[in-house]
Amino acid sequence: MRRDLVIGGLIIIALLGVWGNPVLGGKAFDFTLNDLDNNQVSLQSLLGKGPTYISFWATWCKPCVKEMEIVSGIYEEYRGRGFQLVGINEDVGRSYSKVKSFVKSKGWEFPILLDNDEKVKRDYKAFGMPYSVILDAEGNIVHTSYGFRPGDEAKLKGIIESHLLTSDKDSPSKESDK
């Protein structure tokens, strides 16, 4: 019995190594995906300006949509200070037009990329949704999270603010308020 428990524990540890989240502090996996207008967007093109929030989501996933609505508001607040937001859609099998009309109905104004073969999802080990990754300007993973609960936005704002490259006084919206 004891031997079975040890073997079972070793199997679980091995599986966590294979299926675990990308390592905090490690480099993000680069990718290039098409957006809803069929333009190619690479992760590298988003880096260097400030923190980047990547959300793996689907139209049928209610917690995903709730997260995207809240993070969209955070994006509007910090985008003038270099914050990047990208949604990676995992609606495999749905047409571009259905996803595009859904995004338009929500009024989201950040890149939505289509991961049709789920390669990026596998690279980031996003085996549940919503799944989010926050990167610093250099592409280092500073936060990962499964799910989204009320109150998470305060924690996310703190992480984002700590990785902004411009101060609040440098913000274009703050300059126009003077």
C-alpha atoms as a PDB file:
ATOM      1  CA  MET A   1       0.000   0.000   0.000  1.00  0.00           C
ATOM      2  CA  ARG A   2       2.750   2.436   0.959  1.00  0.00           C
ATOM      3  CA  ARG A   3       4.601   1.662  -2.263  1.00  0.00           C
ATOM      4  CA  ASP A   4       1.424   2.429  -4.264  1.00  0.00           C
ATOM      5  CA  LEU A   5       1.085   5.801  -2.519  1.00  0.00           C
ATOM      6  CA  VAL A   6       4.707   6.672  -3.294  1.00  0.00           C
ATOM      7  CA  ILE A   7       4.292   5.673  -6.941  1.00  0.00           C
ATOM      8  CA  GLY A   8       1.022   7.617  -7.165  1.00  0.00           C
ATOM      9  CA  GLY A   9       2.694  10.682  -5.652  1.00  0.00           C
ATOM     10  CA  LEU A  10       5.579  10.477  -8.122  1.00  0.00           C
ATOM     11  CA  ILE A  11       3.139  10.230 -11.027  1.00  0.00           C
ATOM     12  CA  ILE A  12       1.278  13.324  -9.802  1.00  0.00           C
ATOM     13  CA  ILE A  13       4.544  15.261  -9.451  1.00  0.00           C
ATOM     14  CA  ALA A  14       5.582  14.220 -12.966  1.00  0.00           C
ATOM     15  CA  LEU A  15       2.219  15.257 -14.413  1.00  0.00           C
ATOM     16  CA  LEU A  16       2.392  18.642 -12.695  1.00  0.00           C
ATOM     17  CA  GLY A  17       5.746  19.182 -14.356  1.00  0.00           C
ATOM     18  CA  VAL A  18       4.228  18.430 -17.741  1.00  0.00           C
ATOM     19  CA  TRP A  19       0.890  20.175 -17.225  1.00  0.00           C
ATOM     20  CA  GLY A  20       1.769  22.894 -14.726  1.00  0.00           C
ATOM     21  CA  ASN A  21       1.554  26.596 -15.474  1.00  0.00           C
ATOM     22  CA  PRO A  22       4.416  28.412 -17.163  1.00  0.00           C
ATOM     23  CA  VAL A  23       7.019  29.344 -14.587  1.00  0.00           C
ATOM     24  CA  LEU A  24       6.662  32.703 -12.876  1.00  0.00           C
ATOM     25  CA  GLY A  25       9.692  34.798 -13.769  1.00  0.00           C
ATOM     26  CA  GLY A  26      10.290  32.709 -16.879  1.00  0.00           C
ATOM     27  CA  LYS A  27      10.061  34.057 -20.410  1.00  0.00           C
ATOM     28  CA  ALA A  28       6.714  33.978 -22.166  1.00  0.00           C
ATOM     29  CA  PHE A  29       6.318  31.796 -25.229  1.00  0.00           C
ATOM     30  CA  ASP A  30       6.345  33.908 -28.368  1.00  0.00           C
ATOM     31  CA  PHE A  31       3.471  33.508 -30.800  1.00  0.00           C
ATOM     32  CA  THR A  32       1.962  35.039 -33.906  1.00  0.00           C
ATOM     33  CA  LEU A  33      -1.797  34.751 -34.441  1.00  0.00           C
ATOM     34  CA  ASN A  34      -4.373  36.372 -36.685  1.00  0.00           C
ATOM     35  CA  ASP A  35      -6.668  39.015 -35.266  1.00  0.00           C
ATOM     36  CA  LEU A  36     -10.323  39.437 -36.197  1.00  0.00           C
ATOM     37  CA  ASP A  37      -9.357  41.414 -39.309  1.00  0.00           C
ATOM     38  CA  ASN A  38      -6.967  38.647 -40.409  1.00  0.00           C
ATOM     39  CA  ASN A  39      -3.857  40.707 -39.556  1.00  0.00           C
ATOM     40  CA  GLN A  40      -0.971  38.861 -37.958  1.00  0.00           C
ATOM     41  CA  VAL A  41      -0.088  40.010 -34.438  1.00  0.00           C
ATOM     42  CA  SER A  42       2.961  38.731 -32.575  1.00  0.00           C
ATOM     43  CA  LEU A  43       3.575  38.807 -28.869  1.00  0.00           C
ATOM     44  CA  GLN A  44       6.874  40.575 -29.581  1.00  0.00           C
ATOM     45  CA  SER A  45       4.976  43.488 -31.153  1.00  0.00           C
ATOM     46  CA  LEU A  46       3.147  44.030 -27.849  1.00  0.00           C
ATOM     47  CA  LEU A  47       6.161  43.917 -25.552  1.00  0.00           C
ATOM     48  CA  GLY A  48       8.405  46.788 -24.516  1.00  0.00           C
ATOM     49  CA  LYS A  49       5.660  49.301 -23.774  1.00  0.00           C
ATOM     50  CA  GLY A  50       4.606  48.065 -20.346  1.00  0.00           C
ATOM     51  CA  PRO A  51       2.801  45.092 -18.842  1.00  0.00           C
ATOM     52  CA  THR A  52       0.807  42.814 -21.137  1.00  0.00           C
ATOM     53  CA  TYR A  53      -2.281  40.936 -19.956  1.00  0.00           C
ATOM     54  CA  ILE A  54      -3.100  37.819 -21.982  1.00  0.00           C
ATOM     55  CA  SER A  55      -6.518  36.277 -21.433  1.00  0.00           C
ATOM     56  CA  PHE A  56      -7.509  32.903 -22.862  1.00  0.00           C
ATOM     57  CA  TRP A  57     -11.268  33.002 -23.304  1.00  0.00           C
ATOM     58  CA  ALA A  58     -14.275  31.791 -25.308  1.00  0.00           C
ATOM     59  CA  THR A  59     -17.656  33.319 -26.110  1.00  0.00           C
ATOM     60  CA  TRP A  60     -19.505  30.435 -24.414  1.00  0.00           C
ATOM     61  CA  CYS A  61     -17.529  30.821 -21.153  1.00  0.00           C
ATOM     62  CA  LYS A  62     -19.505  33.167 -18.866  1.00  0.00           C
ATOM     63  CA  PRO A  63     -16.659  33.691 -16.351  1.00  0.00           C
ATOM     64  CA  CYS A  64     -14.359  34.470 -19.304  1.00  0.00           C
ATOM     65  CA  VAL A  65     -16.706  37.131 -20.631  1.00  0.00           C
ATOM     66  CA  LYS A  66     -17.090  38.653 -17.154  1.00  0.00           C
ATOM     67  CA  GLU A  67     -13.300  38.782 -16.785  1.00  0.00           C
ATOM     68  CA  MET A  68     -12.901  40.385 -20.209  1.00  0.00           C
ATOM     69  CA  GLU A  69     -15.506  43.039 -19.381  1.00  0.00           C
ATOM     70  CA  ILE A  70     -13.717  43.976 -16.149  1.00  0.00           C
ATOM     71  CA  VAL A  71     -10.213  43.819 -17.618  1.00  0.00           C
ATOM     72  CA  SER A  72     -11.427  45.920 -20.557  1.00  0.00           C
ATOM     73  CA  GLY A  73     -12.200  48.691 -18.054  1.00  0.00           C
ATOM     74  CA  ILE A  74      -8.739  48.309 -16.525  1.00  0.00           C
ATOM     75  CA  TYR A  75      -7.282  48.504 -20.037  1.00  0.00           C
ATOM     76  CA  GLU A  76      -9.097  51.777 -20.700  1.00  0.00           C
ATOM     77  CA  GLU A  77      -7.684  53.155 -17.443  1.00  0.00           C
ATOM     78  CA  TYR A  78      -4.039  52.177 -18.098  1.00  0.00           C
ATOM     79  CA  ARG A  79      -3.619  51.928 -21.870  1.00  0.00           C
ATOM     80  CA  GLY A  80      -2.205  55.466 -22.073  1.00  0.00           C
ATOM     81  CA  ARG A  81       0.587  54.320 -19.776  1.00  0.00           C
ATOM     82  CA  GLY A  82       1.729  51.357 -21.864  1.00  0.00           C
ATOM     83  CA  PHE A  83      -0.585  48.618 -20.586  1.00  0.00           C
ATOM     84  CA  GLN A  84      -1.404  46.070 -23.291  1.00  0.00           C
ATOM     85  CA  LEU A  85      -4.380  43.709 -23.270  1.00  0.00           C
ATOM     86  CA  VAL A  86      -4.874  40.843 -25.679  1.00  0.00           C
ATOM     87  CA  GLY A  87      -7.623  38.253 -25.699  1.00  0.00           C
ATOM     88  CA  ILE A  88      -6.787  34.880 -27.183  1.00  0.00           C
ATOM     89  CA  ASN A  89     -10.022  33.343 -28.345  1.00  0.00           C
ATOM     90  CA  GLU A  90     -10.421  29.590 -27.998  1.00  0.00           C
ATOM     91  CA  ASP A  91     -13.750  29.187 -29.819  1.00  0.00           C
ATOM     92  CA  VAL A  92     -12.385  26.393 -31.981  1.00  0.00           C
ATOM     93  CA  GLY A  93     -14.800  25.572 -34.760  1.00  0.00           C
ATOM     94  CA  ARG A  94     -16.728  28.847 -34.571  1.00  0.00           C
ATOM     95  CA  SER A  95     -16.522  31.164 -37.520  1.00  0.00           C
ATOM     96  CA  TYR A  96     -14.516  34.365 -37.375  1.00  0.00           C
ATOM     97  CA  SER A  97     -17.684  36.319 -38.055  1.00  0.00           C
ATOM     98  CA  LYS A  98     -19.460  34.974 -34.951  1.00  0.00           C
ATOM     99  CA  VAL A  99     -16.528  35.825 -32.691  1.00  0.00           C
ATOM    100  CA  LYS A 100     -16.080  39.203 -34.394  1.00  0.00           C
ATOM    101  CA  SER A 101     -19.759  40.139 -33.968  1.00  0.00           C
ATOM    102  CA  PHE A 102     -19.632  39.039 -30.318  1.00  0.00           C
ATOM    103  CA  VAL A 103     -16.579  41.231 -29.650  1.00  0.00           C
ATOM    104  CA  LYS A 104     -18.177  44.165 -31.484  1.00  0.00           C
ATOM    105  CA  SER A 105     -21.354  43.809 -29.401  1.00  0.00           C
ATOM    106  CA  LYS A 106     -19.217  44.108 -26.251  1.00  0.00           C
ATOM    107  CA  GLY A 107     -17.389  47.207 -27.514  1.00  0.00           C
ATOM    108  CA  TRP A 108     -13.956  45.749 -26.765  1.00  0.00           C
ATOM    109  CA  GLU A 109     -11.188  47.823 -28.336  1.00  0.00           C
ATOM    110  CA  PHE A 110      -8.159  45.627 -27.764  1.00  0.00           C
ATOM    111  CA  PRO A 111      -6.698  42.888 -29.963  1.00  0.00           C
ATOM    112  CA  ILE A 112      -8.586  39.609 -30.071  1.00  0.00           C
ATOM    113  CA  LEU A 113      -6.443  36.863 -31.550  1.00  0.00           C
ATOM    114  CA  LEU A 114      -7.669  33.519 -32.850  1.00  0.00           C
ATOM    115  CA  ASP A 115      -5.917  30.364 -31.638  1.00  0.00           C
ATOM    116  CA  ASN A 116      -7.654  27.996 -34.046  1.00  0.00           C
ATOM    117  CA  ASP A 117      -5.246  25.090 -33.631  1.00  0.00           C
ATOM    118  CA  GLU A 118      -4.938  25.704 -29.856  1.00  0.00           C
ATOM    119  CA  LYS A 119      -1.125  25.726 -30.067  1.00  0.00           C
ATOM    120  CA  VAL A 120      -0.755  28.860 -27.938  1.00  0.00           C
ATOM    121  CA  LYS A 121      -3.231  27.443 -25.434  1.00  0.00           C
ATOM    122  CA  ARG A 122      -1.089  24.295 -25.158  1.00  0.00           C
ATOM    123  CA  ASP A 123       2.175  26.275 -24.957  1.00  0.00           C
ATOM    124  CA  TYR A 124       0.788  28.289 -22.047  1.00  0.00           C
ATOM    125  CA  LYS A 125      -0.802  25.183 -20.501  1.00  0.00           C
ATOM    126  CA  ALA A 126      -4.176  26.908 -20.362  1.00  0.00           C
ATOM    127  CA  PHE A 127      -6.231  23.796 -19.668  1.00  0.00           C
ATOM    128  CA  GLY A 128      -9.133  25.689 -18.138  1.00  0.00           C
ATOM    129  CA  MET A 129     -10.715  29.071 -18.729  1.00  0.00           C
ATOM    130  CA  PRO A 130     -10.569  31.847 -18.046  1.00  0.00           C
ATOM    131  CA  TYR A 131      -6.813  31.663 -17.808  1.00  0.00           C
ATOM    132  CA  SER A 132      -4.701  34.793 -17.717  1.00  0.00           C
ATOM    133  CA  VAL A 133      -1.016  35.607 -17.825  1.00  0.00           C
ATOM    134  CA  ILE A 134       0.545  38.976 -17.037  1.00  0.00           C
ATOM    135  CA  LEU A 135       3.932  39.766 -18.558  1.00  0.00           C
ATOM    136  CA  ASP A 136       6.303  42.597 -17.762  1.00  0.00           C
ATOM    137  CA  ALA A 137       7.648  44.779 -20.591  1.00  0.00           C
ATOM    138  CA  GLU A 138      10.486  42.310 -21.243  1.00  0.00           C
ATOM    139  CA  GLY A 139       8.131  39.346 -21.616  1.00  0.00           C
ATOM    140  CA  ASN A 140       8.746  37.761 -18.220  1.00  0.00           C
ATOM    141  CA  ILE A 141       5.762  36.011 -16.647  1.00  0.00           C
ATOM    142  CA  VAL A 142       4.849  37.910 -13.470  1.00  0.00           C
ATOM    143  CA  HIS A 143       1.395  36.430 -12.778  1.00  0.00           C
ATOM    144  CA  THR A 144      -0.832  33.550 -13.879  1.00  0.00           C
ATOM    145  CA  SER A 145      -4.385  32.841 -12.842  1.00  0.00           C
ATOM    146  CA  TYR A 146      -7.215  30.397 -13.493  1.00  0.00           C
ATOM    147  CA  GLY A 147     -10.726  31.704 -13.014  1.00  0.00           C
ATOM    148  CA  PHE A 148     -11.914  35.166 -12.119  1.00  0.00           C
ATOM    149  CA  ARG A 149     -13.701  36.181  -8.946  1.00  0.00           C
ATOM    150  CA  PRO A 150     -15.232  39.449  -7.785  1.00  0.00           C
ATOM    151  CA  GLY A 151     -12.487  41.513  -6.201  1.00  0.00           C
ATOM    152  CA  ASP A 152      -9.702  40.131  -8.418  1.00  0.00           C
ATOM    153  CA  GLU A 153      -9.563  43.465 -10.235  1.00  0.00           C
ATOM    154  CA  ALA A 154      -7.904  45.193  -7.244  1.00  0.00           C
ATOM    155  CA  LYS A 155      -5.132  42.592  -7.200  1.00  0.00           C
ATOM    156  CA  LEU A 156      -4.717  42.857 -10.980  1.00  0.00           C
ATOM    157  CA  LYS A 157      -4.500  46.651 -10.834  1.00  0.00           C
ATOM    158  CA  GLY A 158      -1.759  46.357  -8.225  1.00  0.00           C
ATOM    159  CA  ILE A 159       0.248  43.971 -10.402  1.00  0.00           C
ATOM    160  CA  ILE A 160      -0.260  46.136 -13.486  1.00  0.00           C
ATOM    161  CA  GLU A 161       0.662  49.364 -11.684  1.00  0.00           C
ATOM    162  CA  SER A 162       3.849  47.814 -10.326  1.00  0.00           C
ATOM    163  CA  HIS A 163       4.990  47.040 -13.886  1.00  0.00           C
ATOM    164  CA  LEU A 164       4.011  50.253 -15.683  1.00  0.00           C
ATOM    165  CA  LEU A 165       6.966  51.999 -17.304  1.00  0.00           C
ATOM    166  CA  THR A 166       5.493  55.501 -17.064  1.00  0.00           C
ATOM    167  CA  SER A 167       4.442  57.240 -13.907  1.00  0.00           C
ATOM    168  CA  ASP A 168       0.944  58.601 -13.362  1.00  0.00           C
ATOM    169  CA  LYS A 169       2.174  62.153 -13.996  1.00  0.00           C
ATOM    170  CA  ASP A 170       3.493  61.076 -17.426  1.00  0.00           C
ATOM    171  CA  SER A 171       0.107  59.719 -18.466  1.00  0.00           C
ATOM    172  CA  PRO A 172      -1.374  61.513 -21.497  1.00  0.00           C
ATOM    173  CA  SER A 173      -4.784  61.640 -19.807  1.00  0.00           C
ATOM    174  CA  LYS A 174      -3.269  63.273 -16.731  1.00  0.00           C
ATOM    175  CA  GLU A 175      -1.438  65.859 -18.821  1.00  0.00           C
ATOM    176  CA  SER A 176      -4.683  66.917 -20.477  1.00  0.00           C
ATOM    177  CA  ASP A 177      -6.331  67.351 -17.063  1.00  0.00           C
ATOM    178  CA  LYS A 178      -3.940  70.175 -16.114  1.00  0.00           C
END
